[in-house]
Amino acid sequence: MKITKVRLKIRPEMRQRYEDTFMKLRELVRAKEPGCTFFELCRDAESDHVYHVFEAYADDAAVEAHVTTPWYKETARVFVECLQGDHMPEIEARQLEGRAMYQVVQGMGFERHETVLVGR
């Protein structure tokens, strides 16, 4: 099993757009991605513009299946646009999409951690 935890800071004026987009994505993931066993968003208890995303996948193939879906690609752009920071000019200049965008924002109010759980 592969577990991902993301902590991100959203521009205050983009909070509602981020939350709405995440909820739509969550519905699609739950309905169409059997390899994803958990997909949730939590707002930080101390800051209303900091969020935590928790994802659990059966294996690497399920993660790859997720990041290649049209709904992931569409929502990833919205999520990156909602993040705090001045990262969009570089993303647009390099014509980045999907997962590649997150390489630009890593450490800019965006932290991603992965853990692999090995069964007995």
N, C-alpha and C. Protein backbone atom coordinates (compact mmCIF):
# COMPACT_ATOMS: atom_id res chain seq x y z
N MET A 1 0.84 -1.17 0.00
CA MET A 1 0.00 0.00 0.00
C MET A 1 0.89 1.24 0.00
N LYS A 2 0.48 2.24 -0.73
CA LYS A 2 1.23 3.48 -0.81
C LYS A 2 0.35 4.61 -0.23
N ILE A 3 0.89 5.32 0.73
CA ILE A 3 0.15 6.41 1.39
C ILE A 3 0.86 7.72 1.11
N THR A 4 0.09 8.72 0.73
CA THR A 4 0.63 10.05 0.46
C THR A 4 -0.06 11.05 1.38
N LYS A 5 0.75 11.93 1.96
CA LYS A 5 0.23 13.01 2.79
C LYS A 5 0.78 14.30 2.22
N VAL A 6 -0.10 15.24 1.93
CA VAL A 6 0.30 16.53 1.38
C VAL A 6 -0.17 17.63 2.32
N ARG A 7 0.69 18.59 2.56
CA ARG A 7 0.34 19.80 3.32
C ARG A 7 0.51 20.95 2.35
N LEU A 8 -0.52 21.79 2.23
CA LEU A 8 -0.44 22.89 1.30
C LEU A 8 -1.12 24.13 1.83
N LYS A 9 -0.59 25.27 1.37
CA LYS A 9 -1.14 26.57 1.74
C LYS A 9 -1.86 27.15 0.53
N ILE A 10 -3.12 27.48 0.74
CA ILE A 10 -3.97 28.01 -0.33
C ILE A 10 -4.12 29.51 -0.13
N ARG A 11 -4.11 30.25 -1.23
CA ARG A 11 -4.37 31.69 -1.13
C ARG A 11 -5.76 31.87 -0.53
N PRO A 12 -5.90 32.73 0.47
CA PRO A 12 -7.18 32.87 1.17
C PRO A 12 -8.38 33.09 0.24
N GLU A 13 -8.20 33.86 -0.82
CA GLU A 13 -9.33 34.13 -1.72
C GLU A 13 -9.67 32.93 -2.61
N MET A 14 -8.85 31.88 -2.58
CA MET A 14 -9.07 30.70 -3.41
C MET A 14 -9.56 29.49 -2.60
N ARG A 15 -9.78 29.66 -1.31
CA ARG A 15 -10.16 28.53 -0.46
C ARG A 15 -11.41 27.82 -0.96
N GLN A 16 -12.45 28.56 -1.27
CA GLN A 16 -13.70 27.93 -1.69
C GLN A 16 -13.53 27.17 -3.01
N ARG A 17 -12.82 27.77 -3.94
CA ARG A 17 -12.58 27.10 -5.22
C ARG A 17 -11.79 25.81 -5.00
N TYR A 18 -10.78 25.88 -4.14
CA TYR A 18 -9.98 24.69 -3.85
C TYR A 18 -10.85 23.59 -3.23
N GLU A 19 -11.61 23.94 -2.22
CA GLU A 19 -12.45 22.94 -1.54
C GLU A 19 -13.48 22.34 -2.49
N ASP A 20 -14.16 23.18 -3.28
CA ASP A 20 -15.16 22.68 -4.22
C ASP A 20 -14.54 21.74 -5.24
N THR A 21 -13.38 22.12 -5.76
CA THR A 21 -12.70 21.29 -6.76
C THR A 21 -12.26 19.96 -6.15
N PHE A 22 -11.75 20.02 -4.92
CA PHE A 22 -11.33 18.78 -4.26
C PHE A 22 -12.52 17.85 -4.06
N MET A 23 -13.65 18.38 -3.63
CA MET A 23 -14.82 17.53 -3.37
C MET A 23 -15.30 16.85 -4.67
N LYS A 24 -15.26 17.56 -5.78
CA LYS A 24 -15.62 16.95 -7.07
C LYS A 24 -14.63 15.85 -7.43
N LEU A 25 -13.35 16.12 -7.23
CA LEU A 25 -12.33 15.12 -7.51
C LEU A 25 -12.52 13.91 -6.61
N ARG A 26 -12.79 14.13 -5.35
CA ARG A 26 -12.98 13.02 -4.41
C ARG A 26 -14.11 12.10 -4.86
N GLU A 27 -15.21 12.68 -5.34
CA GLU A 27 -16.33 11.87 -5.83
C GLU A 27 -15.90 10.99 -7.00
N LEU A 28 -15.16 11.58 -7.95
CA LEU A 28 -14.70 10.81 -9.11
C LEU A 28 -13.72 9.72 -8.71
N VAL A 29 -12.80 10.04 -7.82
CA VAL A 29 -11.82 9.04 -7.36
C VAL A 29 -12.54 7.88 -6.70
N ARG A 30 -13.46 8.17 -5.81
CA ARG A 30 -14.18 7.11 -5.11
C ARG A 30 -15.01 6.25 -6.07
N ALA A 31 -15.60 6.88 -7.08
CA ALA A 31 -16.47 6.15 -8.01
C ALA A 31 -15.70 5.38 -9.08
N LYS A 32 -14.54 5.88 -9.49
CA LYS A 32 -13.89 5.33 -10.67
C LYS A 32 -12.48 4.78 -10.48
N GLU A 33 -11.96 4.85 -9.26
CA GLU A 33 -10.59 4.38 -9.03
C GLU A 33 -10.56 3.35 -7.89
N PRO A 34 -10.80 2.10 -8.22
CA PRO A 34 -10.83 1.07 -7.18
C PRO A 34 -9.49 0.87 -6.46
N GLY A 35 -8.38 1.29 -7.08
CA GLY A 35 -7.08 1.16 -6.45
C GLY A 35 -6.80 2.20 -5.39
N CYS A 36 -7.66 3.21 -5.31
CA CYS A 36 -7.52 4.24 -4.27
C CYS A 36 -8.45 3.87 -3.12
N THR A 37 -7.88 3.61 -1.95
CA THR A 37 -8.68 3.16 -0.81
C THR A 37 -9.02 4.28 0.17
N PHE A 38 -8.38 5.43 0.03
CA PHE A 38 -8.67 6.56 0.92
C PHE A 38 -8.25 7.84 0.22
N PHE A 39 -9.12 8.86 0.28
CA PHE A 39 -8.85 10.12 -0.40
C PHE A 39 -9.61 11.21 0.35
N GLU A 40 -8.94 11.96 1.20
CA GLU A 40 -9.61 12.94 2.06
C GLU A 40 -8.86 14.25 2.18
N LEU A 41 -9.60 15.28 2.46
CA LEU A 41 -9.09 16.64 2.67
C LEU A 41 -9.45 17.07 4.08
N CYS A 42 -8.48 17.67 4.77
CA CYS A 42 -8.73 18.22 6.11
C CYS A 42 -8.16 19.63 6.16
N ARG A 43 -8.92 20.55 6.72
CA ARG A 43 -8.39 21.89 6.94
C ARG A 43 -7.62 21.88 8.26
N ASP A 44 -6.51 22.58 8.29
CA ASP A 44 -5.67 22.65 9.47
C ASP A 44 -6.43 23.30 10.63
N ALA A 45 -6.25 22.79 11.82
CA ALA A 45 -6.95 23.32 12.99
C ALA A 45 -6.46 24.71 13.38
N GLU A 46 -5.24 25.07 13.01
CA GLU A 46 -4.68 26.34 13.43
C GLU A 46 -4.67 27.41 12.35
N SER A 47 -4.90 27.03 11.10
CA SER A 47 -4.86 28.00 10.01
C SER A 47 -5.89 27.62 8.96
N ASP A 48 -6.83 28.51 8.68
CA ASP A 48 -7.91 28.16 7.76
C ASP A 48 -7.51 28.20 6.29
N HIS A 49 -6.25 28.50 5.98
CA HIS A 49 -5.80 28.43 4.58
C HIS A 49 -4.73 27.35 4.38
N VAL A 50 -4.55 26.51 5.40
CA VAL A 50 -3.63 25.37 5.29
C VAL A 50 -4.49 24.09 5.28
N TYR A 51 -4.17 23.22 4.35
CA TYR A 51 -4.91 21.98 4.18
C TYR A 51 -3.97 20.78 4.21
N HIS A 52 -4.56 19.64 4.54
CA HIS A 52 -3.84 18.37 4.53
C HIS A 52 -4.66 17.40 3.68
N VAL A 53 -3.99 16.76 2.75
CA VAL A 53 -4.63 15.76 1.89
C VAL A 53 -4.01 14.42 2.22
N PHE A 54 -4.87 13.42 2.40
CA PHE A 54 -4.42 12.07 2.69
C PHE A 54 -4.94 11.14 1.60
N GLU A 55 -4.04 10.36 1.00
CA GLU A 55 -4.40 9.43 -0.06
C GLU A 55 -3.77 8.08 0.23
N ALA A 56 -4.50 7.01 -0.05
CA ALA A 56 -3.95 5.66 0.10
C ALA A 56 -4.31 4.86 -1.16
N TYR A 57 -3.30 4.19 -1.71
CA TYR A 57 -3.46 3.42 -2.93
C TYR A 57 -2.98 2.00 -2.70
N ALA A 58 -3.57 1.07 -3.42
CA ALA A 58 -3.20 -0.34 -3.28
C ALA A 58 -1.74 -0.57 -3.64
N ASP A 59 -1.24 0.14 -4.65
CA ASP A 59 0.13 -0.08 -5.12
C ASP A 59 0.54 1.05 -6.06
N ASP A 60 1.74 0.95 -6.61
CA ASP A 60 2.24 1.97 -7.54
C ASP A 60 1.38 2.07 -8.80
N ALA A 61 0.85 0.95 -9.25
CA ALA A 61 0.00 0.96 -10.45
C ALA A 61 -1.26 1.79 -10.20
N ALA A 62 -1.81 1.72 -9.01
CA ALA A 62 -3.01 2.52 -8.68
C ALA A 62 -2.68 4.01 -8.64
N VAL A 63 -1.48 4.35 -8.15
CA VAL A 63 -1.05 5.76 -8.15
C VAL A 63 -0.91 6.24 -9.59
N GLU A 64 -0.26 5.45 -10.43
CA GLU A 64 -0.09 5.83 -11.84
C GLU A 64 -1.43 5.95 -12.54
N ALA A 65 -2.35 5.06 -12.24
CA ALA A 65 -3.68 5.14 -12.83
C ALA A 65 -4.36 6.45 -12.43
N HIS A 66 -4.20 6.84 -11.18
CA HIS A 66 -4.80 8.08 -10.68
C HIS A 66 -4.25 9.30 -11.42
N VAL A 67 -2.93 9.41 -11.53
CA VAL A 67 -2.33 10.62 -12.09
C VAL A 67 -2.44 10.70 -13.62
N THR A 68 -2.97 9.67 -14.23
CA THR A 68 -3.18 9.72 -15.68
C THR A 68 -4.64 9.93 -16.07
N THR A 69 -5.52 10.03 -15.08
CA THR A 69 -6.93 10.24 -15.40
C THR A 69 -7.17 11.67 -15.87
N PRO A 70 -8.16 11.87 -16.72
CA PRO A 70 -8.47 13.24 -17.16
C PRO A 70 -8.91 14.13 -15.99
N TRP A 71 -9.60 13.56 -14.99
CA TRP A 71 -10.05 14.38 -13.87
C TRP A 71 -8.88 14.81 -12.99
N TYR A 72 -7.85 13.98 -12.86
CA TYR A 72 -6.67 14.41 -12.11
C TYR A 72 -5.98 15.56 -12.85
N LYS A 73 -5.76 15.39 -14.14
CA LYS A 73 -5.07 16.42 -14.92
C LYS A 73 -5.81 17.75 -14.88
N GLU A 74 -7.13 17.69 -14.95
CA GLU A 74 -7.93 18.92 -14.92
C GLU A 74 -7.86 19.60 -13.55
N THR A 75 -8.00 18.82 -12.49
CA THR A 75 -8.02 19.42 -11.15
C THR A 75 -6.63 19.81 -10.66
N ALA A 76 -5.59 19.12 -11.12
CA ALA A 76 -4.23 19.48 -10.70
C ALA A 76 -3.93 20.93 -11.06
N ARG A 77 -4.35 21.35 -12.22
CA ARG A 77 -4.11 22.73 -12.65
C ARG A 77 -4.82 23.71 -11.70
N VAL A 78 -6.05 23.42 -11.36
CA VAL A 78 -6.80 24.29 -10.43
C VAL A 78 -6.10 24.33 -9.08
N PHE A 79 -5.69 23.17 -8.58
CA PHE A 79 -5.04 23.12 -7.27
C PHE A 79 -3.76 23.95 -7.26
N VAL A 80 -2.96 23.83 -8.28
CA VAL A 80 -1.70 24.59 -8.34
C VAL A 80 -1.98 26.09 -8.44
N GLU A 81 -3.01 26.47 -9.19
CA GLU A 81 -3.37 27.89 -9.28
C GLU A 81 -3.82 28.44 -7.94
N CYS A 82 -4.38 27.60 -7.08
CA CYS A 82 -4.88 28.03 -5.77
C CYS A 82 -3.76 28.17 -4.73
N LEU A 83 -2.61 27.57 -4.97
CA LEU A 83 -1.52 27.61 -3.99
C LEU A 83 -0.95 29.01 -3.83
N GLN A 84 -0.50 29.30 -2.62
CA GLN A 84 0.20 30.55 -2.38
C GLN A 84 1.53 30.53 -3.13
N GLY A 85 1.96 31.69 -3.59
CA GLY A 85 3.26 31.79 -4.23
C GLY A 85 3.16 32.30 -5.65
N ASP A 86 4.32 32.57 -6.20
CA ASP A 86 4.41 33.13 -7.56
C ASP A 86 5.00 32.07 -8.49
N HIS A 87 4.30 30.97 -8.66
CA HIS A 87 4.80 29.83 -9.40
C HIS A 87 4.18 29.68 -10.79
N MET A 88 3.05 30.32 -11.03
CA MET A 88 2.35 30.12 -12.30
C MET A 88 3.14 30.60 -13.52
N PRO A 89 3.87 31.71 -13.46
CA PRO A 89 4.64 32.10 -14.66
C PRO A 89 5.62 31.01 -15.11
N GLU A 90 6.32 30.37 -14.16
CA GLU A 90 7.25 29.31 -14.54
C GLU A 90 6.51 28.09 -15.09
N ILE A 91 5.42 27.73 -14.47
CA ILE A 91 4.63 26.58 -14.93
C ILE A 91 4.12 26.83 -16.35
N GLU A 92 3.62 28.04 -16.59
CA GLU A 92 3.12 28.36 -17.93
C GLU A 92 4.24 28.45 -18.95
N ALA A 93 5.37 29.04 -18.58
CA ALA A 93 6.50 29.16 -19.51
C ALA A 93 7.04 27.79 -19.91
N ARG A 94 7.05 26.86 -18.96
CA ARG A 94 7.56 25.52 -19.24
C ARG A 94 6.47 24.58 -19.76
N GLN A 95 5.23 25.09 -19.83
CA GLN A 95 4.08 24.32 -20.31
C GLN A 95 3.91 23.00 -19.56
N LEU A 96 4.01 23.09 -18.23
CA LEU A 96 3.90 21.90 -17.39
C LEU A 96 2.45 21.53 -17.15
N GLU A 97 2.22 20.24 -16.98
CA GLU A 97 0.89 19.72 -16.67
C GLU A 97 1.01 18.64 -15.61
N GLY A 98 -0.14 18.28 -15.03
CA GLY A 98 -0.21 17.16 -14.10
C GLY A 98 0.85 17.20 -13.02
N ARG A 99 1.45 16.04 -12.77
CA ARG A 99 2.44 15.90 -11.69
C ARG A 99 3.64 16.81 -11.85
N ALA A 100 4.02 17.12 -13.07
CA ALA A 100 5.20 17.95 -13.31
C ALA A 100 5.06 19.33 -12.67
N MET A 101 3.84 19.84 -12.56
CA MET A 101 3.63 21.15 -11.94
C MET A 101 4.04 21.15 -10.47
N TYR A 102 3.82 20.02 -9.80
CA TYR A 102 4.10 19.95 -8.37
C TYR A 102 5.59 20.00 -8.06
N GLN A 103 6.44 19.66 -9.03
CA GLN A 103 7.88 19.79 -8.82
C GLN A 103 8.27 21.25 -8.64
N VAL A 104 7.58 22.15 -9.31
CA VAL A 104 7.87 23.58 -9.21
C VAL A 104 7.46 24.13 -7.84
N VAL A 105 6.37 23.66 -7.30
CA VAL A 105 5.84 24.23 -6.06
C VAL A 105 6.32 23.51 -4.80
N GLN A 106 7.03 22.40 -4.95
CA GLN A 106 7.54 21.68 -3.77
C GLN A 106 8.34 22.63 -2.89
N GLY A 107 7.96 22.75 -1.64
CA GLY A 107 8.64 23.64 -0.71
C GLY A 107 8.09 25.06 -0.69
N MET A 108 7.22 25.39 -1.64
CA MET A 108 6.61 26.73 -1.69
C MET A 108 5.20 26.66 -1.11
N GLY A 109 5.08 26.25 0.11
CA GLY A 109 3.76 26.07 0.70
C GLY A 109 3.12 24.77 0.27
N PHE A 110 3.93 23.87 -0.29
CA PHE A 110 3.47 22.56 -0.74
C PHE A 110 4.49 21.53 -0.32
N GLU A 111 4.06 20.60 0.51
CA GLU A 111 4.95 19.53 0.99
C GLU A 111 4.27 18.20 0.76
N ARG A 112 4.96 17.28 0.10
CA ARG A 112 4.41 15.98 -0.23
C ARG A 112 5.30 14.90 0.36
N HIS A 113 4.66 13.95 1.06
CA HIS A 113 5.39 12.85 1.69
C HIS A 113 4.72 11.53 1.32
N GLU A 114 5.53 10.55 0.98
CA GLU A 114 5.01 9.22 0.63
C GLU A 114 5.56 8.18 1.59
N THR A 115 4.72 7.20 1.88
CA THR A 115 5.11 6.08 2.72
C THR A 115 4.63 4.80 2.05
N VAL A 116 5.42 3.79 2.09
CA VAL A 116 5.02 2.50 1.56
C VAL A 116 4.83 1.55 2.74
N LEU A 117 3.64 0.98 2.83
CA LEU A 117 3.37 0.00 3.87
C LEU A 117 3.51 -1.39 3.27
N VAL A 118 4.29 -2.21 3.91
CA VAL A 118 4.51 -3.56 3.42
C VAL A 118 3.71 -4.52 4.28
N GLY A 119 2.88 -5.32 3.63
CA GLY A 119 2.06 -6.29 4.36
C GLY A 119 2.87 -7.49 4.78
N ARG A 120 2.32 -8.26 5.70
CA ARG A 120 3.02 -9.47 6.17
C ARG A 120 2.72 -10.63 5.29
